[in-house]
Amino acid sequence: MSLQAYRQAAARAESPREAEYRLFAQVTLALMEAAKADPKDVAARIDALDWNRRVWAALSDDCASPGNGLPKPLRASIISLAIWVGRHTSKVIRRQEQIEPLIEINRMIMQGLMPAPAAASAA
């Protein structure tokens, strides 16, 4: 099976929540790898940091959309987190902050996206 065929099959079988979880897992892994790089080596870290910031910007844009079905308080919280991620990322790039808080925020989001144990066993 070609890689393209696999991606198409995975996209059809994946719920939006599962796709979001997978995306966060991928970007968080990239951040974890970037955290291992020398903080002075911005080039080794910038791709992961930029990718994470773009993911959060997309989430923020989606939450600001009038058609978004999430409750308004949750949407507001996600937008606030996205703003924080953007600011913190800039500080990480300038070596004024550490990358680990970005990883922790993503992990918390991933925990929230995981299916409940009862729902997972019923499926």
C-alpha atoms as a PDB file:
ATOM      1  CA  MET A   1       0.000   0.000   0.000  1.00  0.00           C
ATOM      2  CA  SER A   2       1.424   3.380  -0.931  1.00  0.00           C
ATOM      3  CA  LEU A   3       1.938   6.070   1.669  1.00  0.00           C
ATOM      4  CA  GLN A   4      -0.714   8.250   0.003  1.00  0.00           C
ATOM      5  CA  ALA A   5      -3.276   5.416   0.068  1.00  0.00           C
ATOM      6  CA  TYR A   6      -2.496   4.792   3.739  1.00  0.00           C
ATOM      7  CA  ARG A   7      -3.001   8.472   4.587  1.00  0.00           C
ATOM      8  CA  GLN A   8      -6.328   8.527   2.756  1.00  0.00           C
ATOM      9  CA  ALA A   9      -7.516   5.395   4.562  1.00  0.00           C
ATOM     10  CA  ALA A  10      -6.409   6.777   7.913  1.00  0.00           C
ATOM     11  CA  ALA A  11      -8.180  10.078   7.259  1.00  0.00           C
ATOM     12  CA  ARG A  12     -11.452   8.286   6.492  1.00  0.00           C
ATOM     13  CA  ALA A  13     -11.250   6.077   9.591  1.00  0.00           C
ATOM     14  CA  GLU A  14     -10.217   8.825  12.004  1.00  0.00           C
ATOM     15  CA  SER A  15     -12.629  11.013  13.953  1.00  0.00           C
ATOM     16  CA  PRO A  16     -11.827  14.743  14.199  1.00  0.00           C
ATOM     17  CA  ARG A  17     -10.920  14.237  17.859  1.00  0.00           C
ATOM     18  CA  GLU A  18      -8.527  11.413  16.924  1.00  0.00           C
ATOM     19  CA  ALA A  19      -6.980  13.569  14.202  1.00  0.00           C
ATOM     20  CA  GLU A  20      -6.445  16.392  16.701  1.00  0.00           C
ATOM     21  CA  TYR A  21      -4.863  13.969  19.161  1.00  0.00           C
ATOM     22  CA  ARG A  22      -2.543  12.622  16.449  1.00  0.00           C
ATOM     23  CA  LEU A  23      -1.551  16.147  15.408  1.00  0.00           C
ATOM     24  CA  PHE A  24      -0.782  17.126  18.998  1.00  0.00           C
ATOM     25  CA  ALA A  25       1.213  13.905  19.458  1.00  0.00           C
ATOM     26  CA  GLN A  26       3.300  14.678  16.369  1.00  0.00           C
ATOM     27  CA  VAL A  27       3.966  18.319  17.218  1.00  0.00           C
ATOM     28  CA  THR A  28       4.697  17.476  20.860  1.00  0.00           C
ATOM     29  CA  LEU A  29       7.206  14.833  19.808  1.00  0.00           C
ATOM     30  CA  ALA A  30       8.874  17.433  17.588  1.00  0.00           C
ATOM     31  CA  LEU A  31       9.015  19.833  20.559  1.00  0.00           C
ATOM     32  CA  MET A  32      10.529  17.111  22.742  1.00  0.00           C
ATOM     33  CA  GLU A  33      13.220  16.507  20.141  1.00  0.00           C
ATOM     34  CA  ALA A  34      13.819  20.255  19.868  1.00  0.00           C
ATOM     35  CA  ALA A  35      14.178  20.456  23.647  1.00  0.00           C
ATOM     36  CA  LYS A  36      17.170  18.106  23.386  1.00  0.00           C
ATOM     37  CA  ALA A  37      18.965  20.520  21.048  1.00  0.00           C
ATOM     38  CA  ASP A  38      21.301  23.181  22.350  1.00  0.00           C
ATOM     39  CA  PRO A  39      19.192  26.283  23.160  1.00  0.00           C
ATOM     40  CA  LYS A  40      21.753  28.363  21.296  1.00  0.00           C
ATOM     41  CA  ASP A  41      21.077  26.318  18.145  1.00  0.00           C
ATOM     42  CA  VAL A  42      17.878  28.125  17.151  1.00  0.00           C
ATOM     43  CA  ALA A  43      17.847  26.477  13.725  1.00  0.00           C
ATOM     44  CA  ALA A  44      17.506  23.037  15.347  1.00  0.00           C
ATOM     45  CA  ARG A  45      14.514  24.227  17.361  1.00  0.00           C
ATOM     46  CA  ILE A  46      12.706  26.717  15.145  1.00  0.00           C
ATOM     47  CA  ASP A  47      10.789  24.260  12.948  1.00  0.00           C
ATOM     48  CA  ALA A  48       9.131  22.539  15.900  1.00  0.00           C
ATOM     49  CA  LEU A  49       8.449  25.828  17.668  1.00  0.00           C
ATOM     50  CA  ASP A  50       6.942  27.374  14.555  1.00  0.00           C
ATOM     51  CA  TRP A  51       4.844  24.272  13.824  1.00  0.00           C
ATOM     52  CA  ASN A  52       3.467  24.300  17.363  1.00  0.00           C
ATOM     53  CA  ARG A  53       2.658  28.003  17.144  1.00  0.00           C
ATOM     54  CA  ARG A  54       0.862  27.461  13.811  1.00  0.00           C
ATOM     55  CA  VAL A  55      -1.189  24.595  15.285  1.00  0.00           C
ATOM     56  CA  TRP A  56      -2.282  26.817  18.145  1.00  0.00           C
ATOM     57  CA  ALA A  57      -3.008  29.735  15.799  1.00  0.00           C
ATOM     58  CA  ALA A  58      -5.241  27.454  13.716  1.00  0.00           C
ATOM     59  CA  LEU A  59      -7.063  26.324  16.863  1.00  0.00           C
ATOM     60  CA  SER A  60      -7.529  29.928  17.897  1.00  0.00           C
ATOM     61  CA  ASP A  61      -8.881  30.889  14.481  1.00  0.00           C
ATOM     62  CA  ASP A  62     -11.281  27.946  14.543  1.00  0.00           C
ATOM     63  CA  CYS A  63     -12.496  28.853  18.035  1.00  0.00           C
ATOM     64  CA  ALA A  64     -13.092  32.446  16.929  1.00  0.00           C
ATOM     65  CA  SER A  65     -15.285  31.235  14.083  1.00  0.00           C
ATOM     66  CA  PRO A  66     -19.018  31.827  14.651  1.00  0.00           C
ATOM     67  CA  GLY A  67     -19.757  28.314  13.397  1.00  0.00           C
ATOM     68  CA  ASN A  68     -17.630  26.625  16.051  1.00  0.00           C
ATOM     69  CA  GLY A  69     -19.823  24.320  18.139  1.00  0.00           C
ATOM     70  CA  LEU A  70     -17.732  24.311  21.308  1.00  0.00           C
ATOM     71  CA  PRO A  71     -19.111  26.123  24.369  1.00  0.00           C
ATOM     72  CA  LYS A  72     -18.046  29.772  24.462  1.00  0.00           C
ATOM     73  CA  PRO A  73     -16.063  29.458  27.727  1.00  0.00           C
ATOM     74  CA  LEU A  74     -14.038  26.576  26.289  1.00  0.00           C
ATOM     75  CA  ARG A  75     -13.447  28.484  23.063  1.00  0.00           C
ATOM     76  CA  ALA A  76     -12.269  31.502  25.073  1.00  0.00           C
ATOM     77  CA  SER A  77      -9.897  29.313  27.087  1.00  0.00           C
ATOM     78  CA  ILE A  78      -8.396  27.810  23.934  1.00  0.00           C
ATOM     79  CA  ILE A  79      -7.926  31.265  22.421  1.00  0.00           C
ATOM     80  CA  SER A  80      -6.226  32.440  25.635  1.00  0.00           C
ATOM     81  CA  LEU A  81      -3.931  29.431  25.597  1.00  0.00           C
ATOM     82  CA  ALA A  82      -3.087  30.096  21.944  1.00  0.00           C
ATOM     83  CA  ILE A  83      -2.122  33.674  22.794  1.00  0.00           C
ATOM     84  CA  TRP A  84       0.058  32.411  25.652  1.00  0.00           C
ATOM     85  CA  VAL A  85       1.679  29.795  23.386  1.00  0.00           C
ATOM     86  CA  GLY A  86       2.514  32.481  20.820  1.00  0.00           C
ATOM     87  CA  ARG A  87       4.092  34.753  23.412  1.00  0.00           C
ATOM     88  CA  HIS A  88       5.951  31.968  25.177  1.00  0.00           C
ATOM     89  CA  THR A  89       7.262  30.632  21.869  1.00  0.00           C
ATOM     90  CA  SER A  90       8.733  34.042  21.059  1.00  0.00           C
ATOM     91  CA  LYS A  91      10.468  34.042  24.440  1.00  0.00           C
ATOM     92  CA  VAL A  92      11.820  30.527  23.857  1.00  0.00           C
ATOM     93  CA  ILE A  93      13.248  31.619  20.513  1.00  0.00           C
ATOM     94  CA  ARG A  94      14.900  34.588  22.237  1.00  0.00           C
ATOM     95  CA  ARG A  95      16.232  32.178  24.931  1.00  0.00           C
ATOM     96  CA  GLN A  96      14.276  33.997  27.652  1.00  0.00           C
ATOM     97  CA  GLU A  97      12.132  30.946  28.517  1.00  0.00           C
ATOM     98  CA  GLN A  98      12.271  27.162  28.394  1.00  0.00           C
ATOM     99  CA  ILE A  99      10.515  24.945  25.857  1.00  0.00           C
ATOM    100  CA  GLU A 100       9.132  22.485  28.454  1.00  0.00           C
ATOM    101  CA  PRO A 101       5.980  24.488  29.345  1.00  0.00           C
ATOM    102  CA  LEU A 102       4.897  24.249  25.705  1.00  0.00           C
ATOM    103  CA  ILE A 103       5.326  20.484  25.855  1.00  0.00           C
ATOM    104  CA  GLU A 104       3.321  20.303  29.085  1.00  0.00           C
ATOM    105  CA  ILE A 105       0.432  22.360  27.666  1.00  0.00           C
ATOM    106  CA  ASN A 106       0.275  20.061  24.644  1.00  0.00           C
ATOM    107  CA  ARG A 107       0.317  16.989  26.878  1.00  0.00           C
ATOM    108  CA  MET A 108      -2.590  18.364  28.890  1.00  0.00           C
ATOM    109  CA  ILE A 109      -4.553  18.965  25.693  1.00  0.00           C
ATOM    110  CA  MET A 110      -3.762  15.428  24.550  1.00  0.00           C
ATOM    111  CA  GLN A 111      -5.097  14.065  27.846  1.00  0.00           C
ATOM    112  CA  GLY A 112      -8.325  15.973  27.252  1.00  0.00           C
ATOM    113  CA  LEU A 113      -8.612  14.556  23.743  1.00  0.00           C
ATOM    114  CA  MET A 114      -8.152  10.961  24.853  1.00  0.00           C
ATOM    115  CA  PRO A 115     -11.369   8.952  24.922  1.00  0.00           C
ATOM    116  CA  ALA A 116     -12.804   8.154  28.335  1.00  0.00           C
ATOM    117  CA  PRO A 117     -12.006   4.579  29.463  1.00  0.00           C
ATOM    118  CA  ALA A 118     -15.700   3.588  29.333  1.00  0.00           C
ATOM    119  CA  ALA A 119     -16.067   4.973  25.811  1.00  0.00           C
ATOM    120  CA  ALA A 120     -12.901   3.220  24.662  1.00  0.00           C
ATOM    121  CA  SER A 121     -14.013  -0.163  25.981  1.00  0.00           C
ATOM    122  CA  ALA A 122     -17.495   0.254  24.450  1.00  0.00           C
ATOM    123  CA  ALA A 123     -15.983   0.910  21.005  1.00  0.00           C
END
